[in-house]
PDB file of N, CA and C in Angstrom:
ATOM      1  N   UNK A   1    -106.614-138.071 221.347  1.00  0.00           N
ATOM      2  CA  UNK A   1    -105.071-137.804 221.761  1.00  0.00           C
ATOM      3  C   UNK A   1    -105.287-139.544 223.328  1.00  0.00           C
ATOM      4  N   UNK A   2    -104.501-139.947 223.281  1.00  0.00           N
ATOM      5  CA  UNK A   2    -103.569-140.964 223.972  1.00  0.00           C
ATOM      6  C   UNK A   2    -103.767-140.622 225.598  1.00  0.00           C
ATOM      7  N   UNK A   3    -104.642-141.626 226.414  1.00  0.00           N
ATOM      8  CA  UNK A   3    -104.092-141.317 227.912  1.00  0.00           C
ATOM      9  C   UNK A   3    -102.632-141.525 227.969  1.00  0.00           C
ATOM     10  N   UNK A   4    -101.708-140.535 229.109  1.00  0.00           N
ATOM     11  CA  UNK A   4    -100.401-140.884 229.475  1.00  0.00           C
ATOM     12  C   UNK A   4    -100.170-141.450 230.884  1.00  0.00           C
ATOM     13  N   UNK A   5    -100.426-143.090 231.238  1.00  0.00           N
ATOM     14  CA  UNK A   5    -100.301-143.521 231.759  1.00  0.00           C
ATOM     15  C   UNK A   5     -99.028-143.135 233.143  1.00  0.00           C
ATOM     16  N   UNK A   6     -98.065-142.588 232.499  1.00  0.00           N
ATOM     17  CA  UNK A   6     -96.874-142.152 232.949  1.00  0.00           C
ATOM     18  C   UNK A   6     -97.062-140.688 233.189  1.00  0.00           C
ATOM     19  N   UNK A   7     -97.377-139.738 233.021  1.00  0.00           N
ATOM     20  CA  UNK A   7     -97.952-138.629 233.312  1.00  0.00           C
ATOM     21  C   UNK A   7     -98.833-138.805 234.631  1.00  0.00           C
ATOM     22  N   UNK A   8     -99.879-139.279 234.543  1.00  0.00           N
ATOM     23  CA  UNK A   8    -101.087-139.899 235.739  1.00  0.00           C
ATOM     24  C   UNK A   8     -99.928-140.465 236.654  1.00  0.00           C
ATOM     25  N   UNK A   9     -99.141-141.557 236.796  1.00  0.00           N
ATOM     26  CA  UNK A   9     -98.601-141.712 237.994  1.00  0.00           C
ATOM     27  C   UNK A   9     -97.364-141.280 238.466  1.00  0.00           C
ATOM     28  N   UNK A  10     -96.645-139.758 237.761  1.00  0.00           N
ATOM     29  CA  UNK A  10     -95.702-138.992 237.849  1.00  0.00           C
ATOM     30  C   UNK A  10     -96.798-138.092 238.958  1.00  0.00           C
ATOM     31  N   UNK A  11     -97.504-137.312 238.723  1.00  0.00           N
ATOM     32  CA  UNK A  11     -98.521-136.503 239.279  1.00  0.00           C
ATOM     33  C   UNK A  11     -98.903-137.232 240.569  1.00  0.00           C
ATOM     34  N   UNK A  12     -99.266-138.070 240.495  1.00  0.00           N
ATOM     35  CA  UNK A  12    -100.306-138.713 241.264  1.00  0.00           C
ATOM     36  C   UNK A  12     -99.191-139.427 242.862  1.00  0.00           C
ATOM     37  N   UNK A  13     -97.927-139.312 242.383  1.00  0.00           N
ATOM     38  CA  UNK A  13     -96.625-140.054 243.062  1.00  0.00           C
ATOM     39  C   UNK A  13     -96.604-138.223 243.921  1.00  0.00           C
ATOM     40  N   UNK A  14     -95.827-137.835 242.960  1.00  0.00           N
ATOM     41  CA  UNK A  14     -95.817-136.162 243.573  1.00  0.00           C
ATOM     42  C   UNK A  14     -97.016-135.697 244.373  1.00  0.00           C
ATOM     43  N   UNK A  15     -98.250-135.474 244.214  1.00  0.00           N
ATOM     44  CA  UNK A  15     -99.253-134.895 245.152  1.00  0.00           C
ATOM     45  C   UNK A  15     -99.084-135.945 246.608  1.00  0.00           C
ATOM     46  N   UNK A  16     -99.380-136.880 246.487  1.00  0.00           N
ATOM     47  CA  UNK A  16     -99.019-137.825 247.709  1.00  0.00           C
ATOM     48  C   UNK A  16     -97.753-137.304 248.441  1.00  0.00           C
ATOM     49  N   UNK A  17     -96.745-137.360 247.591  1.00  0.00           N
ATOM     50  CA  UNK A  17     -95.638-137.128 248.499  1.00  0.00           C
ATOM     51  C   UNK A  17     -95.913-135.537 249.243  1.00  0.00           C
ATOM     52  N   UNK A  18     -96.203-134.525 248.752  1.00  0.00           N
ATOM     53  CA  UNK A  18     -95.908-133.260 248.633  1.00  0.00           C
ATOM     54  C   UNK A  18     -97.236-132.834 249.690  1.00  0.00           C
ATOM     55  N   UNK A  19     -97.902-133.861 250.032  1.00  0.00           N
ATOM     56  CA  UNK A  19     -99.434-134.001 250.774  1.00  0.00           C
ATOM     57  C   UNK A  19     -98.706-134.126 251.881  1.00  0.00           C
ATOM     58  N   UNK A  20     -97.921-135.128 251.667  1.00  0.00           N
ATOM     59  CA  UNK A  20     -97.458-135.737 253.298  1.00  0.00           C
ATOM     60  C   UNK A  20     -96.551-135.229 253.868  1.00  0.00           C
ATOM     61  N   UNK A  21     -95.508-134.769 252.723  1.00  0.00           N
ATOM     62  CA  UNK A  21     -94.260-134.124 253.884  1.00  0.00           C
ATOM     63  C   UNK A  21     -94.757-132.464 253.995  1.00  0.00           C
ATOM     64  N   UNK A  22     -95.703-132.324 254.157  1.00  0.00           N
ATOM     65  CA  UNK A  22     -96.557-130.626 253.967  1.00  0.00           C
ATOM     66  C   UNK A  22     -95.611-129.408 253.267  1.00  0.00           C
ATOM     67  N   UNK A  23     -95.129-130.241 252.078  1.00  0.00           N
ATOM     68  CA  UNK A  23     -94.814-129.073 251.103  1.00  0.00           C
ATOM     69  C   UNK A  23     -95.800-128.256 250.635  1.00  0.00           C
ATOM     70  N   UNK A  24     -96.819-129.281 250.150  1.00  0.00           N
ATOM     71  CA  UNK A  24     -97.865-128.314 249.415  1.00  0.00           C
ATOM     72  C   UNK A  24     -99.394-128.811 250.241  1.00  0.00           C
ATOM     73  N   UNK A  25    -100.174-128.252 250.098  1.00  0.00           N
ATOM     74  CA  UNK A  25    -101.449-128.154 251.064  1.00  0.00           C
ATOM     75  C   UNK A  25    -102.546-128.756 250.127  1.00  0.00           C
ATOM     76  N   UNK A  26    -103.334-129.436 250.226  1.00  0.00           N
ATOM     77  CA  UNK A  26    -104.845-129.932 249.484  1.00  0.00           C
ATOM     78  C   UNK A  26    -105.554-129.100 248.502  1.00  0.00           C
ATOM     79  N   UNK A  27    -105.541-127.224 249.194  1.00  0.00           N
ATOM     80  CA  UNK A  27    -105.876-125.997 248.347  1.00  0.00           C
ATOM     81  C   UNK A  27    -105.101-125.878 247.539  1.00  0.00           C
ATOM     82  N   UNK A  28    -103.601-126.097 247.975  1.00  0.00           N
ATOM     83  CA  UNK A  28    -102.713-125.707 246.908  1.00  0.00           C
ATOM     84  C   UNK A  28    -103.241-126.428 245.693  1.00  0.00           C
ATOM     85  N   UNK A  29    -103.224-127.994 245.759  1.00  0.00           N
ATOM     86  CA  UNK A  29    -103.874-128.720 244.722  1.00  0.00           C
ATOM     87  C   UNK A  29    -104.850-128.339 244.477  1.00  0.00           C
ATOM     88  N   UNK A  30    -105.673-127.963 244.601  1.00  0.00           N
ATOM     89  CA  UNK A  30    -106.965-127.736 244.198  1.00  0.00           C
ATOM     90  C   UNK A  30    -106.888-126.677 243.125  1.00  0.00           C
ATOM     91  N   UNK A  31    -105.901-125.655 243.674  1.00  0.00           N
ATOM     92  CA  UNK A  31    -105.600-124.501 242.630  1.00  0.00           C
ATOM     93  C   UNK A  31    -105.036-125.149 241.334  1.00  0.00           C
ATOM     94  N   UNK A  32    -104.325-126.177 241.423  1.00  0.00           N
ATOM     95  CA  UNK A  32    -103.515-126.796 240.570  1.00  0.00           C
ATOM     96  C   UNK A  32    -104.178-128.019 239.484  1.00  0.00           C
ATOM     97  N   UNK A  33    -105.270-127.999 239.907  1.00  0.00           N
ATOM     98  CA  UNK A  33    -106.243-129.095 239.436  1.00  0.00           C
ATOM     99  C   UNK A  33    -107.097-127.953 238.773  1.00  0.00           C
ATOM    100  N   UNK A  34    -107.313-127.050 238.984  1.00  0.00           N
ATOM    101  CA  UNK A  34    -108.327-125.931 237.980  1.00  0.00           C
ATOM    102  C   UNK A  34    -107.194-125.805 236.931  1.00  0.00           C
ATOM    103  N   UNK A  35    -105.520-125.615 236.895  1.00  0.00           N
ATOM    104  CA  UNK A  35    -104.862-125.176 236.309  1.00  0.00           C
ATOM    105  C   UNK A  35    -104.980-125.993 234.991  1.00  0.00           C
ATOM    106  N   UNK A  36    -104.710-127.484 235.895  1.00  0.00           N
ATOM    107  CA  UNK A  36    -104.516-128.660 234.676  1.00  0.00           C
ATOM    108  C   UNK A  36    -105.960-128.722 233.692  1.00  0.00           C
ATOM    109  N   UNK A  37    -106.876-128.494 234.343  1.00  0.00           N
ATOM    110  CA  UNK A  37    -108.185-128.761 233.687  1.00  0.00           C
ATOM    111  C   UNK A  37    -107.923-127.765 232.372  1.00  0.00           C
ATOM    112  N   UNK A  38    -107.603-126.325 232.655  1.00  0.00           N
ATOM    113  CA  UNK A  38    -107.671-125.622 232.236  1.00  0.00           C
ATOM    114  C   UNK A  38    -106.595-125.597 230.433  1.00  0.00           C
ATOM    115  N   UNK A  39    -105.653-126.328 231.299  1.00  0.00           N
ATOM    116  CA  UNK A  39    -104.795-126.871 230.360  1.00  0.00           C
ATOM    117  C   UNK A  39    -104.856-127.782 229.637  1.00  0.00           C
ATOM    118  N   UNK A  40    -105.928-128.233 229.803  1.00  0.00           N
ATOM    119  CA  UNK A  40    -106.390-129.777 229.209  1.00  0.00           C
ATOM    120  C   UNK A  40    -105.288-131.047 229.713  1.00  0.00           C
ATOM    121  N   UNK A  41    -104.724-130.724 230.885  1.00  0.00           N
ATOM    122  CA  UNK A  41    -104.119-131.932 231.072  1.00  0.00           C
ATOM    123  C   UNK A  41    -104.962-132.978 232.562  1.00  0.00           C
ATOM    124  N   UNK A  42    -105.339-133.798 231.395  1.00  0.00           N
ATOM    125  CA  UNK A  42    -106.858-134.603 232.362  1.00  0.00           C
ATOM    126  C   UNK A  42    -106.034-135.937 232.960  1.00  0.00           C
ATOM    127  N   UNK A  43    -104.611-135.895 232.167  1.00  0.00           N
ATOM    128  CA  UNK A  43    -104.316-137.108 233.422  1.00  0.00           C
ATOM    129  C   UNK A  43    -103.955-136.183 235.087  1.00  0.00           C
ATOM    130  N   UNK A  44    -103.024-135.380 234.543  1.00  0.00           N
ATOM    131  CA  UNK A  44    -102.737-134.909 236.237  1.00  0.00           C
ATOM    132  C   UNK A  44    -104.011-134.560 237.180  1.00  0.00           C
ATOM    133  N   UNK A  45    -104.982-134.119 236.161  1.00  0.00           N
ATOM    134  CA  UNK A  45    -106.328-133.307 237.016  1.00  0.00           C
ATOM    135  C   UNK A  45    -106.765-134.726 237.597  1.00  0.00           C
ATOM    136  N   UNK A  46    -106.782-136.151 236.777  1.00  0.00           N
ATOM    137  CA  UNK A  46    -107.395-137.003 237.772  1.00  0.00           C
ATOM    138  C   UNK A  46    -106.696-137.530 238.472  1.00  0.00           C
ATOM    139  N   UNK A  47    -105.131-137.688 238.518  1.00  0.00           N
ATOM    140  CA  UNK A  47    -104.502-137.709 239.993  1.00  0.00           C
ATOM    141  C   UNK A  47    -104.418-137.086 241.038  1.00  0.00           C
ATOM    142  N   UNK A  48    -104.553-135.603 240.341  1.00  0.00           N
ATOM    143  CA  UNK A  48    -105.232-134.893 241.955  1.00  0.00           C
ATOM    144  C   UNK A  48    -106.269-135.052 242.239  1.00  0.00           C
ATOM    145  N   UNK A  49    -107.042-135.550 241.485  1.00  0.00           N
ATOM    146  CA  UNK A  49    -108.819-135.723 241.996  1.00  0.00           C
ATOM    147  C   UNK A  49    -108.767-136.786 243.151  1.00  0.00           C
ATOM    148  N   UNK A  50    -107.412-137.985 242.532  1.00  0.00           N
ATOM    149  CA  UNK A  50    -107.694-139.489 243.026  1.00  0.00           C
ATOM    150  C   UNK A  50    -107.073-139.179 244.614  1.00  0.00           C
ATOM    151  N   UNK A  51    -106.057-138.251 244.939  1.00  0.00           N
ATOM    152  CA  UNK A  51    -105.269-138.023 245.877  1.00  0.00           C
ATOM    153  C   UNK A  51    -106.589-136.835 247.129  1.00  0.00           C
ATOM    154  N   UNK A  52    -107.105-136.176 246.410  1.00  0.00           N
ATOM    155  CA  UNK A  52    -107.591-135.598 247.692  1.00  0.00           C
ATOM    156  C   UNK A  52    -109.100-136.046 247.896  1.00  0.00           C
ATOM    157  N   UNK A  53    -109.816-136.692 247.199  1.00  0.00           N
ATOM    158  CA  UNK A  53    -110.977-137.125 247.415  1.00  0.00           C
ATOM    159  C   UNK A  53    -110.600-137.615 248.885  1.00  0.00           C
ATOM    160  N   UNK A  54    -110.035-138.801 248.909  1.00  0.00           N
ATOM    161  CA  UNK A  54    -109.858-139.336 250.276  1.00  0.00           C
ATOM    162  C   UNK A  54    -109.969-138.162 251.442  1.00  0.00           C
ATOM    163  N   UNK A  55    -109.414-137.131 251.500  1.00  0.00           N
ATOM    164  CA  UNK A  55    -109.102-136.340 252.407  1.00  0.00           C
ATOM    165  C   UNK A  55    -109.967-135.486 252.661  1.00  0.00           C
ATOM    166  N   UNK A  56    -111.391-135.867 251.588  1.00  0.00           N
ATOM    167  CA  UNK A  56    -112.420-134.499 251.659  1.00  0.00           C
ATOM    168  C   UNK A  56    -112.167-133.661 251.108  1.00  0.00           C
ATOM    169  N   UNK A  57    -111.684-133.461 249.945  1.00  0.00           N
ATOM    170  CA  UNK A  57    -111.661-132.201 248.551  1.00  0.00           C
ATOM    171  C   UNK A  57    -111.963-133.012 247.013  1.00  0.00           C
ATOM    172  N   UNK A  58    -113.156-132.525 247.436  1.00  0.00           N
ATOM    173  CA  UNK A  58    -114.085-132.602 246.152  1.00  0.00           C
ATOM    174  C   UNK A  58    -113.404-131.884 244.944  1.00  0.00           C
ATOM    175  N   UNK A  59    -112.366-132.213 243.759  1.00  0.00           N
ATOM    176  CA  UNK A  59    -112.392-131.377 243.004  1.00  0.00           C
ATOM    177  C   UNK A  59    -113.419-130.485 241.855  1.00  0.00           C
ATOM    178  N   UNK A  60    -114.518-131.576 242.052  1.00  0.00           N
ATOM    179  CA  UNK A  60    -115.512-131.000 241.153  1.00  0.00           C
ATOM    180  C   UNK A  60    -116.254-129.611 241.733  1.00  0.00           C
ATOM    181  N   UNK A  61    -115.737-129.366 243.100  1.00  0.00           N
ATOM    182  CA  UNK A  61    -116.453-128.302 243.793  1.00  0.00           C
ATOM    183  C   UNK A  61    -115.889-127.217 243.046  1.00  0.00           C
ATOM    184  N   UNK A  62    -114.466-127.051 242.238  1.00  0.00           N
ATOM    185  CA  UNK A  62    -113.856-125.592 241.386  1.00  0.00           C
ATOM    186  C   UNK A  62    -114.192-125.653 239.892  1.00  0.00           C
ATOM    187  N   UNK A  63    -115.362-126.402 239.582  1.00  0.00           N
ATOM    188  CA  UNK A  63    -115.576-126.521 238.141  1.00  0.00           C
ATOM    189  C   UNK A  63    -116.280-125.012 237.849  1.00  0.00           C
ATOM    190  N   UNK A  64    -116.734-124.696 239.235  1.00  0.00           N
ATOM    191  CA  UNK A  64    -117.562-123.212 238.626  1.00  0.00           C
ATOM    192  C   UNK A  64    -117.323-122.281 238.372  1.00  0.00           C
ATOM    193  N   UNK A  65    -115.661-122.362 239.113  1.00  0.00           N
ATOM    194  CA  UNK A  65    -114.890-121.371 239.106  1.00  0.00           C
ATOM    195  C   UNK A  65    -113.466-121.470 237.746  1.00  0.00           C
ATOM    196  N   UNK A  66    -113.848-122.499 236.904  1.00  0.00           N
ATOM    197  CA  UNK A  66    -113.283-122.853 235.665  1.00  0.00           C
ATOM    198  C   UNK A  66    -113.546-122.182 234.615  1.00  0.00           C
ATOM    199  N   UNK A  67    -112.837-121.224 234.191  1.00  0.00           N
ATOM    200  CA  UNK A  67    -113.633-120.186 232.945  1.00  0.00           C
ATOM    201  C   UNK A  67    -113.584-121.435 231.692  1.00  0.00           C
ATOM    202  N   UNK A  68    -113.133-121.934 231.432  1.00  0.00           N
ATOM    203  CA  UNK A  68    -113.209-122.616 229.760  1.00  0.00           C
ATOM    204  C   UNK A  68    -113.845-123.797 230.421  1.00  0.00           C
ATOM    205  N   UNK A  69    -114.356-124.149 231.531  1.00  0.00           N
ATOM    206  CA  UNK A  69    -115.461-124.611 231.350  1.00  0.00           C
ATOM    207  C   UNK A  69    -117.063-124.346 231.745  1.00  0.00           C
ATOM    208  N   UNK A  70    -117.366-123.021 231.596  1.00  0.00           N
ATOM    209  CA  UNK A  70    -118.554-121.913 232.105  1.00  0.00           C
ATOM    210  C   UNK A  70    -118.445-120.971 230.772  1.00  0.00           C
TER     211      UNK A  70
END
């Protein structure tokens, strides 16, 4: 499957906007990340990771909670 740069950029932009505007929290996006991994939406997962990491949230910490990875 080819990388969908448009999807990646769209999710990254939305995540930034939602967190900056207070519409969603980093925790909301940590849960969203789990869902994106389960759905194999890796573009969205990477976008979320890149926004949350500088904020002190490591999405890799959720891996033990994702059924499809265990």
